[in-house]
Amino acid sequence: MYVEGVSTRKVAKITEELCGFEVSSSQVSKCSALLDEEIKAWRTKKLACFPYVMLDARYEKVRHGNQVVSCAVLIAIGVNEDGIRDVLGVSVALSEQEVHWRTFLEQLQARGLHGIKMFTSDAHSGLKAALNAVFPSVPWQRCQFHLQQNAQSYVPKNDMKAAVASDIRNIFNAPSLSEADRFLRLTVEKYANIAPQLSTWMEINIPESLTVFNLPEAQRKKLRTSNPLERVNQEIKRRTKVVRIFPNPESCLRLVSALLMEIADEWQNGKRYLPLPAE
């Protein structure tokens, strides 16, 4: 019940109603701690070849010392050579600074992660720096969904936002990299006079989201954003919101890991996520 998102207080009421005795919230916490050995084994399992890896972070309120802080929950998912998704790792850190992302990526590498053809993530500076430090030769795809959102802050007028969004989508949906580059040049020229800051921003940032054009066309749509991780984060939020504030980082890692174990199991036994190039 705890893993499924039932608060420790409600667990006590349910057990009393169904079983005739009450389990206190502290007893629920102690029982959940028994998961630690199993969860640790899952979090440290050996990894293999995952050509495509997506990275993202979400924040949870955690008591740290004598105060409540927002801790970053770092998550990595991958797609293996058979097109099947898996959760590669999770960590709870004080922030998304480079040192925390670098430690997380080094742990994935030490566990055997290899054969990466592309990372997909947003453009967080700490994450980008960590990727350059740990996997300097692996191409990086900037999430097109996040980039589209970022672009809106450079649009000078509200009545221009729909047109800008449409122009950027045309670049992303181009049939080839050369066409995407051509659309980008035209779009940069279009806004050079009426929105110069937007035009400059597009010229610098949009190329970071075109790495995916080096992949087979059938695979691009599934790998051009980190949206699969966004959906994972929504599921985590749905279950962690009943906790509101975790008593310590370990309890946060425990619950999130248990949820991710369930998600990974569903993926392993579900349909293939990514079509193979020959299909």
Protein backbone atom coordinates (compact mmCIF):
# COMPACT_ATOMS: atom_id res chain seq x y z
CA MET A 1 0.00 0.00 0.00
CA TYR A 2 2.84 2.36 0.82
CA VAL A 3 4.54 1.80 -2.54
CA GLU A 4 1.24 2.32 -4.33
CA GLY A 5 0.90 5.76 -2.77
CA VAL A 6 -1.15 5.20 0.37
CA SER A 7 0.02 7.45 3.20
CA THR A 8 1.37 5.79 6.34
CA ARG A 9 -1.53 7.21 8.37
CA LYS A 10 -4.12 5.73 5.98
CA VAL A 11 -2.38 2.36 6.07
CA ALA A 12 -3.12 2.25 9.82
CA LYS A 13 -6.82 2.89 9.22
CA ILE A 14 -7.05 0.31 6.44
CA THR A 15 -5.37 -2.47 8.42
CA GLU A 16 -7.61 -1.74 11.39
CA GLU A 17 -10.73 -1.89 9.21
CA LEU A 18 -9.73 -5.01 7.28
CA CYS A 19 -7.66 -6.96 9.81
CA GLY A 20 -8.86 -5.76 13.17
CA PHE A 21 -5.53 -4.33 14.29
CA GLU A 22 -3.70 -1.08 13.68
CA VAL A 23 -0.25 -0.73 12.12
CA SER A 24 1.34 2.56 13.14
CA SER A 25 2.98 4.89 10.66
CA SER A 26 6.38 4.17 12.23
CA GLN A 27 5.81 0.42 11.72
CA VAL A 28 4.97 1.06 8.07
CA SER A 29 8.24 2.96 7.71
CA LYS A 30 10.15 0.11 9.34
CA CYS A 31 8.51 -2.42 7.03
CA SER A 32 9.32 -0.35 3.96
CA ALA A 33 12.95 -0.23 5.10
CA LEU A 34 13.05 -4.01 4.63
CA LEU A 35 12.92 -3.30 0.91
CA ASP A 36 16.35 -1.68 1.06
CA GLU A 37 18.39 -4.79 0.29
CA GLU A 38 16.26 -5.70 -2.71
CA ILE A 39 16.23 -2.11 -3.96
CA LYS A 40 19.99 -1.72 -3.54
CA ALA A 41 20.57 -4.90 -5.57
CA TRP A 42 18.34 -3.48 -8.33
CA ARG A 43 20.03 -0.06 -8.30
CA THR A 44 23.52 -1.58 -8.54
CA LYS A 45 22.75 -4.33 -11.08
CA LYS A 46 25.13 -4.77 -14.00
CA LEU A 47 24.25 -2.81 -17.13
CA ALA A 48 24.84 -3.70 -20.75
CA CYS A 49 24.71 -2.02 -24.16
CA PHE A 50 22.08 0.73 -24.37
CA PRO A 51 22.43 2.74 -27.60
CA TYR A 52 20.00 5.43 -26.45
CA VAL A 53 19.86 6.99 -22.99
CA MET A 54 17.50 9.67 -21.65
CA LEU A 55 18.27 11.75 -18.57
CA ASP A 56 16.11 14.00 -16.43
CA ALA A 57 15.57 15.15 -12.85
CA ARG A 58 12.63 16.04 -10.65
CA TYR A 59 12.56 17.58 -7.19
CA GLU A 60 11.14 16.29 -3.92
CA LYS A 61 10.94 17.96 -0.50
CA VAL A 62 13.29 16.21 1.92
CA ARG A 63 14.39 16.90 5.49
CA HIS A 64 18.14 17.38 5.43
CA GLY A 65 19.76 18.26 8.73
CA ASN A 66 17.47 20.69 10.49
CA GLN A 67 15.72 22.04 7.42
CA VAL A 68 13.52 21.04 4.51
CA VAL A 69 15.24 21.26 1.13
CA SER A 70 14.36 20.40 -2.47
CA CYS A 71 16.47 17.41 -3.46
CA ALA A 72 17.06 16.45 -7.07
CA VAL A 73 16.01 12.92 -8.06
CA LEU A 74 18.28 12.04 -10.99
CA ILE A 75 16.92 9.36 -13.33
CA ALA A 76 18.30 7.58 -16.40
CA ILE A 77 16.36 5.32 -18.74
CA GLY A 78 17.73 3.51 -21.76
CA VAL A 79 16.66 1.68 -24.89
CA ASN A 80 18.60 -1.49 -25.62
CA GLU A 81 19.55 -3.03 -28.97
CA ASP A 82 16.22 -4.87 -29.11
CA GLY A 83 14.26 -1.63 -28.74
CA ILE A 84 13.18 -2.40 -25.15
CA ARG A 85 13.24 0.31 -22.47
CA ASP A 86 14.71 -0.10 -19.01
CA VAL A 87 15.41 2.09 -16.01
CA LEU A 88 19.19 2.35 -15.72
CA GLY A 89 19.59 4.22 -12.49
CA VAL A 90 18.28 6.68 -9.92
CA SER A 91 19.97 8.88 -7.34
CA VAL A 92 18.92 11.53 -4.83
CA ALA A 93 21.25 14.54 -4.73
CA LEU A 94 21.16 18.02 -3.23
CA SER A 95 21.00 19.66 -6.67
CA GLU A 96 21.58 19.24 -10.40
CA GLN A 97 25.05 20.73 -10.24
CA GLU A 98 27.73 19.13 -12.39
CA VAL A 99 29.32 17.24 -9.50
CA HIS A 100 26.09 15.34 -8.76
CA TRP A 101 25.33 14.51 -12.39
CA ARG A 102 28.95 13.48 -12.95
CA THR A 103 28.90 11.12 -9.98
CA PHE A 104 25.64 9.60 -11.23
CA LEU A 105 26.97 9.11 -14.78
CA GLU A 106 30.24 7.63 -13.50
CA GLN A 107 28.25 5.11 -11.47
CA LEU A 108 26.32 4.06 -14.59
CA GLN A 109 29.60 3.70 -16.46
CA ALA A 110 31.15 1.65 -13.64
CA ARG A 111 28.16 -0.69 -13.72
CA GLY A 112 28.89 -1.51 -17.37
CA LEU A 113 26.82 0.94 -19.39
CA HIS A 114 28.34 1.07 -22.87
CA GLY A 115 27.55 1.29 -26.57
CA ILE A 116 25.75 4.63 -26.23
CA LYS A 117 24.98 6.30 -29.55
CA MET A 118 23.08 9.30 -28.21
CA PHE A 119 21.95 10.99 -25.01
CA THR A 120 18.67 12.93 -24.87
CA SER A 121 18.00 15.51 -22.17
CA ASP A 122 17.17 19.13 -21.55
CA ALA A 123 19.91 21.78 -21.59
CA HIS A 124 20.66 22.03 -17.87
CA SER A 125 24.20 23.39 -17.58
CA GLY A 126 25.24 20.93 -14.85
CA LEU A 127 24.07 17.95 -16.88
CA LYS A 128 25.73 19.16 -20.09
CA ALA A 129 29.03 19.69 -18.31
CA ALA A 130 28.85 16.24 -16.71
CA LEU A 131 28.13 14.57 -20.06
CA ASN A 132 31.13 16.33 -21.60
CA ALA A 133 33.30 15.12 -18.73
CA VAL A 134 32.18 11.48 -18.56
CA PHE A 135 31.01 10.72 -22.12
CA PRO A 136 32.75 13.39 -24.25
CA SER A 137 32.49 11.52 -27.55
CA VAL A 138 28.78 10.57 -27.36
CA PRO A 139 26.41 12.81 -29.36
CA TRP A 140 23.84 14.77 -27.37
CA GLN A 141 20.25 15.48 -28.45
CA ARG A 142 18.63 18.48 -26.78
CA CYS A 143 15.01 17.67 -25.97
CA GLN A 144 12.85 19.32 -28.63
CA PHE A 145 9.89 19.65 -26.27
CA HIS A 146 11.87 21.63 -23.70
CA LEU A 147 13.54 23.70 -26.41
CA GLN A 148 10.15 24.63 -27.86
CA GLN A 149 9.10 25.81 -24.40
CA ASN A 150 12.33 27.78 -23.93
CA ALA A 151 11.80 29.57 -27.24
CA GLN A 152 8.57 31.17 -26.06
CA SER A 153 10.43 33.34 -23.54
CA TYR A 154 12.24 35.05 -26.44
CA VAL A 155 9.08 35.90 -28.39
CA PRO A 156 8.44 39.67 -27.96
CA LYS A 157 4.67 39.61 -28.59
CA ASN A 158 1.98 37.15 -27.53
CA ASP A 159 0.34 37.17 -30.97
CA MET A 160 3.61 35.88 -32.46
CA LYS A 161 3.89 32.80 -30.25
CA ALA A 162 1.73 30.46 -32.35
CA ALA A 163 3.62 31.33 -35.54
CA VAL A 164 7.00 30.86 -33.84
CA ALA A 165 5.94 27.47 -32.46
CA SER A 166 4.76 26.40 -35.91
CA ASP A 167 8.02 27.51 -37.56
CA ILE A 168 10.08 25.55 -35.03
CA ARG A 169 7.91 22.45 -35.52
CA ASN A 170 8.55 22.69 -39.28
CA ILE A 171 12.28 22.51 -38.56
CA PHE A 172 11.86 19.52 -36.25
CA ASN A 173 9.58 17.71 -38.72
CA ALA A 174 11.82 18.21 -41.74
CA PRO A 175 12.49 15.03 -43.77
CA SER A 176 16.28 15.31 -43.49
CA LEU A 177 19.06 17.20 -41.72
CA SER A 178 19.82 19.29 -44.79
CA GLU A 179 16.17 20.36 -45.00
CA ALA A 180 16.09 21.08 -41.28
CA ASP A 181 19.18 23.29 -41.68
CA ARG A 182 17.53 25.08 -44.60
CA PHE A 183 14.32 25.69 -42.64
CA LEU A 184 16.42 26.96 -39.73
CA ARG A 185 18.26 29.47 -41.93
CA LEU A 186 14.98 30.74 -43.35
CA THR A 187 13.44 31.03 -39.89
CA VAL A 188 16.45 32.89 -38.50
CA GLU A 189 16.21 35.36 -41.41
CA LYS A 190 12.44 35.72 -40.93
CA TYR A 191 12.79 36.94 -37.36
CA ALA A 192 16.08 38.83 -37.70
CA ASN A 193 14.37 42.25 -37.85
CA ILE A 194 11.09 41.74 -36.00
CA ALA A 195 12.52 39.64 -33.13
CA PRO A 196 16.35 39.85 -33.19
CA GLN A 197 16.87 38.20 -29.79
CA LEU A 198 14.71 35.26 -30.83
CA SER A 199 16.55 35.00 -34.15
CA THR A 200 19.95 34.90 -32.44
CA TRP A 201 18.72 32.40 -29.86
CA MET A 202 17.38 30.09 -32.59
CA GLU A 203 20.63 30.17 -34.54
CA ILE A 204 22.63 29.15 -31.47
CA ASN A 205 20.27 26.70 -29.74
CA ILE A 206 18.13 24.89 -32.32
CA PRO A 207 21.10 23.01 -33.90
CA GLU A 208 21.53 21.22 -30.54
CA SER A 209 18.14 19.58 -31.11
CA LEU A 210 18.91 18.26 -34.61
CA THR A 211 21.32 15.46 -33.63
CA VAL A 212 18.44 13.00 -33.97
CA PHE A 213 18.50 13.42 -37.77
CA ASN A 214 21.57 11.17 -37.80
CA LEU A 215 19.36 8.25 -36.76
CA PRO A 216 17.05 6.13 -38.97
CA GLU A 217 13.84 8.02 -39.72
CA ALA A 218 11.65 5.36 -38.04
CA GLN A 219 13.41 5.95 -34.72
CA ARG A 220 13.60 9.75 -34.61
CA LYS A 221 10.18 10.54 -33.17
CA LYS A 222 10.76 8.28 -30.16
CA LEU A 223 14.18 9.71 -29.38
CA ARG A 224 13.94 13.43 -30.12
CA THR A 225 12.53 14.35 -26.69
CA SER A 226 12.83 13.17 -23.11
CA ASN A 227 9.02 12.92 -22.88
CA PRO A 228 9.11 9.23 -21.85
CA LEU A 229 10.95 10.36 -18.72
CA GLU A 230 8.44 13.17 -18.22
CA ARG A 231 5.71 10.55 -18.04
CA VAL A 232 7.77 8.56 -15.53
CA ASN A 233 8.14 11.71 -13.45
CA GLN A 234 4.39 12.26 -13.52
CA GLU A 235 3.85 8.75 -12.17
CA ILE A 236 6.39 9.37 -9.42
CA LYS A 237 4.72 12.67 -8.53
CA ARG A 238 1.33 10.97 -8.35
CA ARG A 239 2.63 8.63 -5.65
CA THR A 240 5.07 10.88 -3.76
CA LYS A 241 2.65 13.78 -3.30
CA VAL A 242 0.93 11.90 -0.46
CA VAL A 243 4.25 11.93 1.43
CA ARG A 244 4.79 15.66 0.84
CA ILE A 245 8.01 15.83 2.85
CA PHE A 246 10.35 12.84 3.14
CA PRO A 247 12.03 12.43 6.55
CA ASN A 248 15.44 11.88 4.92
CA PRO A 249 17.05 11.32 1.49
CA GLU A 250 17.13 7.55 2.05
CA SER A 251 13.34 7.31 2.38
CA CYS A 252 12.92 9.31 -0.81
CA LEU A 253 15.32 7.07 -2.70
CA ARG A 254 13.57 3.98 -1.32
CA LEU A 255 10.10 4.92 -2.52
CA VAL A 256 11.18 6.30 -5.90
CA SER A 257 13.34 3.21 -6.53
CA ALA A 258 10.45 0.89 -5.68
CA LEU A 259 8.22 2.74 -8.15
CA LEU A 260 10.87 2.64 -10.86
CA MET A 261 11.36 -1.11 -10.30
CA GLU A 262 7.67 -1.60 -11.08
CA ILE A 263 7.86 0.60 -14.18
CA ALA A 264 10.98 -1.20 -15.42
CA ASP A 265 9.28 -4.57 -14.96
CA GLU A 266 6.29 -3.40 -17.02
CA TRP A 267 8.60 -2.22 -19.79
CA GLN A 268 10.54 -5.48 -19.83
CA ASN A 269 7.33 -7.47 -20.23
CA GLY A 270 5.57 -5.02 -22.54
CA LYS A 271 5.75 -4.06 -26.18
CA ARG A 272 8.92 -2.95 -27.88
CA TYR A 273 9.35 0.82 -27.56
CA LEU A 274 11.64 1.50 -30.49
CA PRO A 275 11.24 -0.01 -33.96
CA LEU A 276 14.40 -1.66 -35.22
CA PRO A 277 16.06 -0.01 -38.26
CA ALA A 278 15.15 -2.91 -40.59
CA GLU A 279 11.44 -2.71 -39.68
